[in-house]
Amino acid sequence: MTRDVSRTYHSTKILPAIVAKWLREARGETIWIQQDNARTHIEPNDEAFCLAVRQTGLDIHIFNQPANSPDLNVLDLSFFTSLQIKTFLTNSKNMDELIQNVQREFSTYDESKIRNVFLTLQGCMIEVMKKGGGNGYRSPI
């Protein structure tokens, strides 16, 4: 993945998909594309992207997430934390027992416990946007 590939994907795949699905009555609303801070992602003020956006007639902006935020990683946000808590409730006398306990908790994990994780993730993303992308946001959980 390179920045050029990312720019092309945004212009040829993401923007047309947004245009095709965006409701007419919501045409005046701002659309935010939230991305992490990977070096290969395009900058919010990328000239080619901004030109492609202007051609859509929509108000679309890119927004970068805070760097290394566990609240914006679905696995860190719920699954790993939940698994860790369950594992900490067991006694492990050595590393082998700890590994066995983690494997047992993983294999018996009730997947219904993480069904709402994407709603939680969305809540975190909204809080990040309210703070302008910095790490000073307050987690909704």
Protein backbone atom coordinates (compact mmCIF):
# COMPACT_ATOMS: atom_id res chain seq x y z
CA MET A 1 0.00 0.00 0.00
CA THR A 2 1.28 3.43 -0.91
CA ARG A 3 -0.18 6.90 -0.57
CA ASP A 4 -0.87 6.93 -4.33
CA VAL A 5 -2.79 3.66 -4.07
CA SER A 6 -4.75 5.04 -1.11
CA ARG A 7 -5.57 8.24 -3.02
CA THR A 8 -6.71 6.25 -6.07
CA TYR A 9 -8.88 3.97 -3.92
CA HIS A 10 -10.53 6.95 -2.22
CA SER A 11 -11.23 8.65 -5.55
CA THR A 12 -12.38 5.59 -7.51
CA LYS A 13 -14.07 3.44 -4.86
CA ILE A 14 -14.95 5.32 -1.65
CA LEU A 15 -16.22 8.61 -3.10
CA PRO A 16 -18.42 6.96 -5.76
CA ALA A 17 -19.87 4.63 -3.10
CA ILE A 18 -20.71 7.59 -0.87
CA VAL A 19 -22.32 9.49 -3.76
CA ALA A 20 -24.39 6.45 -4.73
CA LYS A 21 -25.69 5.82 -1.20
CA TRP A 22 -25.95 9.33 0.28
CA LEU A 23 -29.55 10.47 0.73
CA ARG A 24 -30.66 13.48 -1.33
CA GLU A 25 -32.21 15.16 1.71
CA ALA A 26 -28.85 14.95 3.50
CA ARG A 27 -26.84 16.57 0.66
CA GLY A 28 -25.95 19.64 2.76
CA GLU A 29 -24.53 17.67 5.67
CA THR A 30 -20.80 17.19 6.18
CA ILE A 31 -19.49 13.68 5.60
CA TRP A 32 -16.43 12.64 7.58
CA ILE A 33 -14.11 9.86 6.44
CA GLN A 34 -12.19 8.82 9.53
CA GLN A 35 -8.83 7.10 9.07
CA ASP A 36 -5.91 6.20 11.28
CA ASN A 37 -2.55 7.93 10.94
CA ALA A 38 -0.80 5.36 8.76
CA ARG A 39 1.93 6.99 6.67
CA THR A 40 0.36 5.60 3.51
CA HIS A 41 -2.98 7.32 4.08
CA ILE A 42 -3.69 10.57 2.32
CA GLU A 43 -3.55 13.87 4.16
CA PRO A 44 -6.86 15.65 4.87
CA ASN A 45 -5.81 18.49 2.52
CA ASP A 46 -4.55 16.23 -0.31
CA GLU A 47 -5.03 18.23 -3.54
CA ALA A 48 -6.12 15.35 -5.76
CA PHE A 49 -8.59 14.09 -3.14
CA CYS A 50 -10.02 17.58 -2.59
CA LEU A 51 -10.48 17.98 -6.36
CA ALA A 52 -12.28 14.61 -6.54
CA VAL A 53 -14.50 15.68 -3.62
CA ARG A 54 -15.42 18.98 -5.32
CA GLN A 55 -16.56 17.00 -8.36
CA THR A 56 -19.07 15.06 -6.19
CA GLY A 57 -20.89 18.20 -5.06
CA LEU A 58 -20.84 16.87 -1.48
CA ASP A 59 -19.12 18.25 1.62
CA ILE A 60 -16.66 15.42 2.35
CA HIS A 61 -13.63 15.69 4.63
CA ILE A 62 -10.97 13.32 5.91
CA PHE A 63 -10.34 13.18 9.62
CA ASN A 64 -7.34 11.47 11.26
CA GLN A 65 -7.76 9.49 14.45
CA PRO A 66 -5.38 9.95 17.38
CA ALA A 67 -2.26 7.85 17.06
CA ASN A 68 -2.16 4.48 18.84
CA SER A 69 -5.53 4.76 20.54
CA PRO A 70 -6.74 1.41 21.91
CA ASP A 71 -10.29 2.82 21.99
CA LEU A 72 -10.29 2.87 18.19
CA ASN A 73 -9.09 -0.70 17.74
CA VAL A 74 -12.06 -3.06 17.90
CA LEU A 75 -10.01 -5.92 19.33
CA ASP A 76 -8.41 -3.76 22.04
CA LEU A 77 -11.68 -1.98 22.77
CA SER A 78 -13.59 -5.07 23.74
CA PHE A 79 -12.41 -8.55 22.96
CA PHE A 80 -8.87 -8.49 24.35
CA THR A 81 -9.95 -6.53 27.42
CA SER A 82 -12.84 -8.88 28.12
CA LEU A 83 -10.65 -11.93 27.59
CA GLN A 84 -7.97 -10.45 29.84
CA ILE A 85 -10.45 -9.79 32.64
CA LYS A 86 -11.81 -13.34 32.45
CA THR A 87 -8.26 -14.73 32.49
CA PHE A 88 -7.25 -12.60 35.48
CA LEU A 89 -10.10 -14.19 37.46
CA THR A 90 -8.34 -17.56 37.20
CA ASN A 91 -5.30 -18.65 39.16
CA SER A 92 -2.10 -19.16 37.19
CA LYS A 93 0.93 -20.44 39.05
CA ASN A 94 3.27 -20.22 36.08
CA MET A 95 3.44 -19.19 32.43
CA ASP A 96 2.20 -22.54 31.13
CA GLU A 97 -0.94 -22.31 33.29
CA LEU A 98 -1.50 -18.72 32.17
CA ILE A 99 -1.31 -19.80 28.53
CA GLN A 100 -3.72 -22.67 29.19
CA ASN A 101 -6.14 -20.33 30.98
CA VAL A 102 -6.07 -17.82 28.11
CA GLN A 103 -6.65 -20.61 25.58
CA ARG A 104 -9.55 -21.98 27.63
CA GLU A 105 -11.19 -18.55 27.97
CA PHE A 106 -10.72 -17.96 24.25
CA SER A 107 -12.28 -21.27 23.23
CA THR A 108 -15.29 -20.84 25.55
CA TYR A 109 -15.81 -17.12 24.96
CA ASP A 110 -19.46 -16.12 24.57
CA GLU A 111 -19.49 -14.12 21.33
CA SER A 112 -22.79 -12.44 22.24
CA LYS A 113 -20.84 -10.32 24.74
CA ILE A 114 -19.15 -8.36 21.97
CA ARG A 115 -22.09 -7.80 19.62
CA ASN A 116 -22.37 -4.14 20.54
CA VAL A 117 -18.68 -3.40 20.14
CA PHE A 118 -19.20 -1.49 16.90
CA LEU A 119 -21.67 0.84 18.61
CA THR A 120 -19.06 1.46 21.29
CA LEU A 121 -16.43 2.04 18.59
CA GLN A 122 -18.75 4.52 16.87
CA GLY A 123 -19.21 6.34 20.19
CA CYS A 124 -15.44 6.58 20.62
CA MET A 125 -15.02 7.91 17.07
CA ILE A 126 -17.65 10.59 17.68
CA GLU A 127 -15.88 11.69 20.88
CA VAL A 128 -12.56 11.87 19.00
CA MET A 129 -14.14 14.08 16.33
CA LYS A 130 -15.58 16.41 18.99
CA LYS A 131 -12.03 16.96 20.26
CA GLY A 132 -10.54 17.59 16.83
CA GLY A 133 -8.67 14.30 16.54
CA GLY A 134 -6.45 14.56 19.59
CA ASN A 135 -6.00 12.15 22.45
CA GLY A 136 -7.92 14.43 24.83
CA TYR A 137 -11.28 12.78 24.17
CA ARG A 138 -13.36 11.06 26.83
CA SER A 139 -14.24 7.45 26.18
CA PRO A 140 -18.01 6.84 26.25
CA ILE A 141 -17.51 3.51 28.05
